[in-house]
Structure formats: structure tokens, C-alpha cells
């Protein structure tokens, strides 16, 4: 979840600055909507296999072209 939140924060900072509450809320919602299902699935796949958040983040970056991380890859890190 932290990785997805970090991604959303990075995207939020790219949006135009504003001091109006409505614009801030609109930018926040837009940034959260930029987190795709692919990002979430990739991260949750490794978490469901019992790996830590840092391992899941590493695997999601390393295997960004795949939907599922190979079973034995993260076992090597333990």
C-alpha cells in the first residue's frame, strides 16, 4: 500500500499548484486515480505470498513487465 501511496504522491506533485480547496481535492483524486490496477495487482501478488513490503516493492520494480512474480525469486532474498 505504501508503494501505491508513494506513486500517487509523486503524481500529485506533478499537477498544477493551487490554494483553493476544490482544486486541491480535485488534484488529490486525480493523483489517486493514476494508480492503476496493474500497480496494485503486482504489489498485492507478492504481499499475498507472505513477503514484506520492501520485498514486494523490489519485485514490482524488478519485474515491471510481468503480472506475476516468479515463485522462487523472492525466496532467494530470505
Protein backbone atom coordinates (compact mmCIF):
# COMPACT_ATOMS: atom_id res chain seq x y z
CA UNK A 1 0.00 0.00 0.00
CA UNK A 2 2.86 2.36 0.83
CA UNK A 3 4.30 1.94 -2.66
CA UNK A 4 0.96 2.82 -4.24
CA UNK A 5 0.62 5.84 -1.95
CA UNK A 6 4.15 6.98 -2.88
CA UNK A 7 3.26 6.70 -6.56
CA UNK A 8 0.12 8.80 -6.02
CA UNK A 9 2.11 11.45 -4.12
CA UNK A 10 4.66 11.68 -6.94
CA UNK A 11 1.86 12.18 -9.45
CA UNK A 12 0.18 14.76 -7.19
CA UNK A 13 3.31 16.92 -7.16
CA UNK A 14 3.28 16.99 -10.96
CA UNK A 15 -0.17 18.61 -11.01
CA UNK A 16 -0.62 22.42 -11.03
CA UNK A 17 -0.32 24.20 -7.67
CA UNK A 18 -3.40 25.75 -6.11
CA UNK A 19 -4.55 27.11 -2.76
CA UNK A 20 -8.25 26.53 -3.37
CA UNK A 21 -9.77 23.58 -1.51
CA UNK A 22 -11.77 22.40 -4.52
CA UNK A 23 -8.68 22.36 -6.74
CA UNK A 24 -6.64 20.55 -4.07
CA UNK A 25 -9.32 17.90 -3.72
CA UNK A 26 -9.62 17.52 -7.50
CA UNK A 27 -5.83 17.11 -7.78
CA UNK A 28 -5.77 14.55 -4.96
CA UNK A 29 -8.50 12.46 -6.57
CA UNK A 30 -6.76 12.69 -9.96
CA UNK A 31 -3.45 11.53 -8.45
CA UNK A 32 -5.11 8.58 -6.70
CA UNK A 33 -6.84 7.61 -9.94
CA UNK A 34 -3.44 7.44 -11.66
CA UNK A 35 -2.57 4.37 -9.57
CA UNK A 36 -3.56 1.62 -11.97
CA UNK A 37 -4.93 -1.80 -11.19
CA UNK A 38 -1.73 -3.23 -12.64
CA UNK A 39 0.32 -1.50 -9.94
CA UNK A 40 -1.98 -2.78 -7.22
CA UNK A 41 -2.12 -6.36 -8.54
CA UNK A 42 1.64 -6.61 -8.87
CA UNK A 43 2.25 -5.37 -5.34
CA UNK A 44 -0.56 -7.41 -3.75
CA UNK A 45 0.61 -10.59 -5.51
CA UNK A 46 3.90 -10.52 -3.62
CA UNK A 47 2.28 -9.47 -0.33
CA UNK A 48 -0.21 -12.36 -0.54
CA UNK A 49 2.71 -14.74 -0.95
CA UNK A 50 3.92 -13.67 2.50
CA UNK A 51 6.71 -11.28 1.58
CA UNK A 52 7.47 -7.98 3.28
CA UNK A 53 6.58 -4.62 1.81
CA UNK A 54 10.17 -3.90 0.84
CA UNK A 55 10.47 -7.26 -0.94
CA UNK A 56 7.19 -6.61 -2.73
CA UNK A 57 8.39 -3.16 -3.80
CA UNK A 58 11.68 -4.59 -5.09
CA UNK A 59 9.92 -7.33 -7.05
CA UNK A 60 7.37 -4.91 -8.51
CA UNK A 61 10.21 -2.72 -9.81
CA UNK A 62 12.38 -5.62 -10.99
CA UNK A 63 9.57 -7.45 -12.80
CA UNK A 64 7.59 -4.45 -14.02
CA UNK A 65 6.83 -6.14 -17.34
CA UNK A 66 5.14 -9.14 -15.77
CA UNK A 67 1.89 -9.54 -13.93
CA UNK A 68 3.06 -12.29 -11.63
CA UNK A 69 6.43 -12.53 -9.91
CA UNK A 70 8.12 -15.94 -10.28
CA UNK A 71 7.70 -18.12 -7.17
CA UNK A 72 11.37 -18.69 -6.40
CA UNK A 73 12.71 -15.18 -6.92
CA UNK A 74 11.86 -13.67 -3.53
CA UNK A 75 12.82 -16.85 -1.67
CA UNK A 76 16.43 -16.08 -2.61
CA UNK A 77 16.23 -12.84 -0.63
CA UNK A 78 15.23 -14.52 2.65
